[in-house]
Amino acid sequence: MVGGLLYKAVLFDLGGTLIAMEVDDKAVDERALRSLTGQIRSLGYCVSEEALIRDYWNHYEFLNTLRESLMVEFPMRFWLASFIYKLFGEVNDELLNIFEASIIDARVRSATLYHDTLPTLEGLEGRYRLGAVTNTSSTEVTRRILRRLRMDRFFEVTVTSADFGVRKPYPGIFHYALREMSLKPEDALFVGDSIKHDVAGSKQVGMKCYVISRGGVEGQPSEPKPNKILKNLEDILNLL
């Protein structure tokens, strides 16, 4: 307990905890890919919309399996370049820029807040230092979403796996966030939505962790348990 408070800081996961998508992630990317077909052809490349989407997801799922098993992050520009090379046998910078901009713009436009996000952050602001630790292949997506939704004003530190190079639950990304805020693990609470990524990772470094149950909390019997399961994010305000 610090000065009558349980913690000095509260760190949050973003996607699934504070931020939602208006449609599911797959639909967001597919919308962007469909809009690209004409531009791809104008650059002299031939691919059908169906083949583009099919090959995109095959490539994405292959890399996602690797990054989940190895806990490493592949930056968006890297995996898009490898996808374009696999599709066309070469990487054209103009084409790569078009792909990257389209995917980023689509993800940023589709982001929205859960109904309890702003009341929770506003209730914590001033009482606790706030930060975020999130898995993402694009820091640009995260920065633009936070700016568009006017959430960047709340966070002292935002750590992304794209910048750090590893993904939650790797404990190093939590240690890094704590170091950036000059905090000890026992001085900070982590709040997320994933047993695998948020609870397992934060507990490895000695943090307490609450989980928000937006669609049910799924975990394996061998995985660590959260300190609290929240039905509504605003419940934090009564617990701290």
Protein backbone atom coordinates (compact mmCIF):
# COMPACT_ATOMS: atom_id res chain seq x y z
CA MET A 1 0.00 0.00 0.00
CA VAL A 2 1.38 3.40 -1.03
CA GLY A 3 0.15 6.50 0.79
CA GLY A 4 -3.18 4.81 1.54
CA LEU A 5 -3.47 3.48 -2.02
CA LEU A 6 -2.92 -0.14 -3.00
CA TYR A 7 -0.73 0.79 -5.99
CA LYS A 8 1.13 3.69 -7.51
CA ALA A 9 0.11 2.83 -11.06
CA VAL A 10 -2.33 0.87 -13.19
CA LEU A 11 -1.15 -0.55 -16.51
CA PHE A 12 -3.61 -1.70 -19.16
CA ASP A 13 -3.74 -3.94 -22.16
CA LEU A 14 -5.46 -2.15 -25.06
CA GLY A 15 -7.28 -4.41 -27.56
CA GLY A 16 -10.10 -6.36 -25.91
CA THR A 17 -9.63 -4.44 -22.66
CA LEU A 18 -10.05 -0.74 -23.48
CA ILE A 19 -10.44 -0.77 -27.25
CA ALA A 20 -12.76 -2.75 -29.51
CA MET A 21 -13.21 -2.99 -33.27
CA GLU A 22 -16.51 -2.01 -34.90
CA VAL A 23 -16.23 -5.26 -36.88
CA ASP A 24 -13.97 -8.25 -36.23
CA ASP A 25 -10.27 -8.00 -37.05
CA LYS A 26 -10.51 -10.30 -40.05
CA ALA A 27 -13.27 -8.24 -41.65
CA VAL A 28 -11.23 -5.05 -41.13
CA ASP A 29 -8.21 -6.40 -43.01
CA GLU A 30 -10.34 -7.95 -45.75
CA ARG A 31 -12.08 -4.64 -46.34
CA ALA A 32 -8.66 -3.04 -46.82
CA LEU A 33 -7.49 -5.80 -49.16
CA ARG A 34 -10.56 -5.51 -51.37
CA SER A 35 -9.91 -1.80 -51.79
CA LEU A 36 -6.36 -2.56 -52.96
CA THR A 37 -7.14 -4.75 -55.97
CA GLY A 38 -7.44 -1.88 -58.45
CA GLN A 39 -4.27 -0.16 -57.22
CA ILE A 40 -2.33 -3.41 -57.47
CA ARG A 41 -3.40 -3.87 -61.07
CA SER A 42 -2.53 -0.25 -61.92
CA LEU A 43 1.06 -1.05 -60.93
CA GLY A 44 1.15 -3.95 -63.38
CA TYR A 45 0.50 -6.84 -60.99
CA CYS A 46 -2.24 -9.35 -61.62
CA VAL A 47 -4.10 -11.02 -58.75
CA SER A 48 -7.75 -11.74 -58.09
CA GLU A 49 -9.49 -10.42 -54.99
CA GLU A 50 -10.20 -13.98 -53.84
CA ALA A 51 -6.58 -15.10 -54.25
CA LEU A 52 -5.27 -11.96 -52.54
CA ILE A 53 -7.43 -12.53 -49.45
CA ARG A 54 -6.79 -16.29 -49.35
CA ASP A 55 -3.01 -15.96 -49.62
CA TYR A 56 -2.95 -13.07 -47.14
CA TRP A 57 -4.58 -15.14 -44.42
CA ASN A 58 -2.47 -18.20 -45.14
CA HIS A 59 0.66 -16.09 -44.73
CA TYR A 60 -0.68 -14.22 -41.70
CA GLU A 61 -1.67 -17.41 -39.87
CA PHE A 62 1.74 -18.98 -40.54
CA LEU A 63 3.57 -15.97 -39.08
CA ASN A 64 1.10 -15.64 -36.21
CA THR A 65 1.80 -19.24 -35.18
CA LEU A 66 5.51 -18.41 -35.10
CA ARG A 67 5.13 -15.22 -33.11
CA GLU A 68 2.81 -16.83 -30.57
CA SER A 69 5.09 -19.84 -30.04
CA LEU A 70 8.33 -17.82 -29.96
CA MET A 71 6.85 -14.71 -28.27
CA VAL A 72 8.55 -12.50 -30.87
CA GLU A 73 6.95 -9.69 -32.85
CA PHE A 74 7.16 -9.36 -36.62
CA PRO A 75 6.67 -5.70 -37.57
CA MET A 76 3.84 -5.13 -40.03
CA ARG A 77 6.14 -3.77 -42.73
CA PHE A 78 8.28 -6.93 -42.51
CA TRP A 79 5.45 -9.42 -42.79
CA LEU A 80 3.71 -7.44 -45.52
CA ALA A 81 6.98 -7.34 -47.49
CA SER A 82 7.38 -11.10 -47.12
CA PHE A 83 3.76 -11.59 -48.22
CA ILE A 84 4.21 -9.39 -51.31
CA TYR A 85 7.41 -11.26 -52.24
CA LYS A 86 5.63 -14.59 -51.87
CA LEU A 87 2.75 -13.33 -54.01
CA PHE A 88 4.67 -11.58 -56.81
CA GLY A 89 8.28 -12.75 -56.50
CA GLU A 90 9.55 -9.23 -55.75
CA VAL A 91 9.00 -6.36 -53.34
CA ASN A 92 8.06 -3.04 -54.90
CA ASP A 93 8.39 -0.18 -52.39
CA GLU A 94 5.40 1.66 -53.83
CA LEU A 95 3.27 -1.45 -53.56
CA LEU A 96 4.50 -2.12 -50.01
CA ASN A 97 3.66 1.45 -48.98
CA ILE A 98 0.14 1.11 -50.43
CA PHE A 99 -0.45 -2.18 -48.59
CA GLU A 100 0.84 -0.84 -45.29
CA ALA A 101 -1.11 2.42 -45.46
CA SER A 102 -4.33 0.62 -46.35
CA ILE A 103 -4.11 -1.91 -43.50
CA ILE A 104 -3.11 0.77 -40.98
CA ASP A 105 -5.89 3.15 -42.04
CA ALA A 106 -8.52 0.39 -41.91
CA ARG A 107 -7.50 -0.69 -38.41
CA VAL A 108 -7.39 2.86 -37.10
CA ARG A 109 -10.81 3.76 -38.55
CA SER A 110 -12.44 0.65 -37.08
CA ALA A 111 -11.24 1.18 -33.51
CA THR A 112 -13.77 2.23 -30.92
CA LEU A 113 -14.05 2.39 -27.13
CA TYR A 114 -15.97 0.09 -24.84
CA HIS A 115 -18.69 1.93 -22.94
CA ASP A 116 -16.78 1.65 -19.65
CA THR A 117 -13.34 2.71 -20.90
CA LEU A 118 -13.51 6.50 -20.50
CA PRO A 119 -15.34 6.50 -17.14
CA THR A 120 -12.71 4.11 -15.77
CA LEU A 121 -9.70 6.04 -17.04
CA GLU A 122 -11.18 9.36 -15.92
CA GLY A 123 -11.88 7.88 -12.49
CA LEU A 124 -8.29 6.66 -12.14
CA GLU A 125 -6.61 9.74 -13.62
CA GLY A 126 -5.01 11.89 -10.97
CA ARG A 127 -5.12 9.12 -8.38
CA TYR A 128 -2.88 6.67 -10.21
CA ARG A 129 -0.20 6.85 -12.87
CA LEU A 130 -1.43 5.08 -16.00
CA GLY A 131 0.35 3.12 -18.71
CA ALA A 132 -0.31 0.58 -21.45
CA VAL A 133 1.41 -2.58 -22.68
CA THR A 134 0.02 -4.05 -25.88
CA ASN A 135 0.76 -6.71 -28.50
CA THR A 136 0.71 -5.19 -31.98
CA SER A 137 2.72 -5.48 -35.17
CA SER A 138 2.40 -1.72 -35.77
CA THR A 139 3.18 1.00 -33.28
CA GLU A 140 1.76 3.46 -35.81
CA VAL A 141 -1.65 1.79 -35.51
CA THR A 142 -1.54 2.06 -31.73
CA ARG A 143 -0.44 5.70 -31.70
CA ARG A 144 -3.04 6.77 -34.24
CA ILE A 145 -5.85 4.90 -32.46
CA LEU A 146 -4.96 6.45 -29.11
CA ARG A 147 -4.78 9.88 -30.71
CA ARG A 148 -8.06 9.51 -32.63
CA LEU A 149 -9.92 8.25 -29.56
CA ARG A 150 -8.26 10.91 -27.37
CA MET A 151 -6.76 8.27 -25.08
CA ASP A 152 -3.12 9.30 -25.40
CA ARG A 153 -3.73 11.99 -22.75
CA PHE A 154 -4.14 9.30 -20.08
CA PHE A 155 -0.97 7.23 -20.54
CA GLU A 156 2.43 8.17 -19.21
CA VAL A 157 3.99 5.22 -21.06
CA THR A 158 2.74 3.06 -23.94
CA VAL A 159 4.85 0.00 -24.72
CA THR A 160 4.17 -1.96 -27.90
CA SER A 161 5.53 -5.35 -28.89
CA ALA A 162 6.38 -3.85 -32.29
CA ASP A 163 8.84 -1.47 -30.64
CA PHE A 164 10.11 -3.90 -28.01
CA GLY A 165 10.47 -6.90 -30.35
CA VAL A 166 8.78 -9.47 -28.11
CA ARG A 167 5.17 -10.16 -27.25
CA LYS A 168 3.27 -10.69 -24.06
CA PRO A 169 3.47 -12.98 -22.12
CA TYR A 170 7.25 -12.59 -22.36
CA PRO A 171 8.10 -11.01 -18.99
CA GLY A 172 10.69 -8.63 -20.45
CA ILE A 173 8.03 -6.37 -21.96
CA PHE A 174 6.42 -5.91 -18.53
CA HIS A 175 9.80 -5.29 -16.90
CA TYR A 176 10.51 -2.66 -19.56
CA ALA A 177 7.25 -0.81 -18.90
CA LEU A 178 7.90 -0.84 -15.15
CA ARG A 179 11.44 0.43 -15.66
CA GLU A 180 10.22 3.24 -17.91
CA MET A 181 7.87 4.33 -15.11
CA SER A 182 10.48 3.74 -12.34
CA LEU A 183 8.15 1.29 -10.62
CA LYS A 184 8.58 -1.94 -8.69
CA PRO A 185 6.27 -4.83 -9.73
CA GLU A 186 4.38 -4.69 -6.43
CA ASP A 187 3.60 -1.00 -7.02
CA ALA A 188 1.62 -1.59 -10.23
CA LEU A 189 -1.57 -3.43 -11.14
CA PHE A 190 -2.03 -4.86 -14.63
CA VAL A 191 -5.48 -5.05 -16.23
CA GLY A 192 -6.10 -7.13 -19.36
CA ASP A 193 -8.45 -9.59 -21.01
CA SER A 194 -6.19 -12.61 -21.64
CA ILE A 195 -5.07 -15.28 -19.20
CA LYS A 196 -2.32 -16.38 -21.59
CA HIS A 197 -0.90 -12.97 -22.44
CA ASP A 198 -1.81 -10.64 -19.59
CA VAL A 199 -2.09 -12.74 -16.45
CA ALA A 200 0.74 -15.16 -17.20
CA GLY A 201 3.11 -12.40 -18.26
CA SER A 202 2.45 -9.87 -15.51
CA LYS A 203 2.48 -12.49 -12.76
CA GLN A 204 5.89 -13.71 -13.89
CA VAL A 205 7.34 -10.33 -12.95
CA GLY A 206 5.49 -10.14 -9.64
CA MET A 207 2.55 -7.89 -10.56
CA LYS A 208 -1.05 -8.40 -9.50
CA CYS A 209 -3.44 -8.75 -12.44
CA TYR A 210 -7.18 -8.20 -12.94
CA VAL A 211 -8.98 -9.60 -15.99
CA ILE A 212 -12.00 -8.05 -17.66
CA SER A 213 -14.47 -10.70 -18.81
CA ARG A 214 -16.04 -9.22 -21.93
CA GLY A 215 -16.76 -12.53 -23.61
CA GLY A 216 -15.79 -15.04 -20.97
CA VAL A 217 -12.35 -15.74 -19.54
CA GLU A 218 -10.68 -18.82 -20.97
CA GLY A 219 -7.57 -20.35 -19.49
CA GLN A 220 -5.84 -23.68 -19.09
CA PRO A 221 -5.79 -25.39 -15.65
CA SER A 222 -2.00 -25.01 -15.57
CA GLU A 223 -2.11 -21.25 -16.22
CA PRO A 224 -2.01 -18.70 -13.38
CA LYS A 225 -5.24 -17.26 -12.09
CA PRO A 226 -6.05 -13.54 -12.08
CA ASN A 227 -6.38 -11.77 -8.76
CA LYS A 228 -9.83 -10.53 -9.80
CA ILE A 229 -12.22 -11.14 -12.68
CA LEU A 230 -14.14 -7.99 -13.61
CA LYS A 231 -17.55 -8.00 -15.25
CA ASN A 232 -17.36 -4.25 -15.80
CA LEU A 233 -14.16 -2.25 -16.10
CA GLU A 234 -15.53 0.43 -13.76
CA ASP A 235 -15.50 -2.13 -10.95
CA ILE A 236 -11.80 -1.25 -10.61
CA LEU A 237 -12.79 2.12 -9.15
CA ASN A 238 -14.43 0.40 -6.18
CA LEU A 239 -11.59 -2.08 -5.69
CA LEU A 240 -8.67 0.36 -5.55
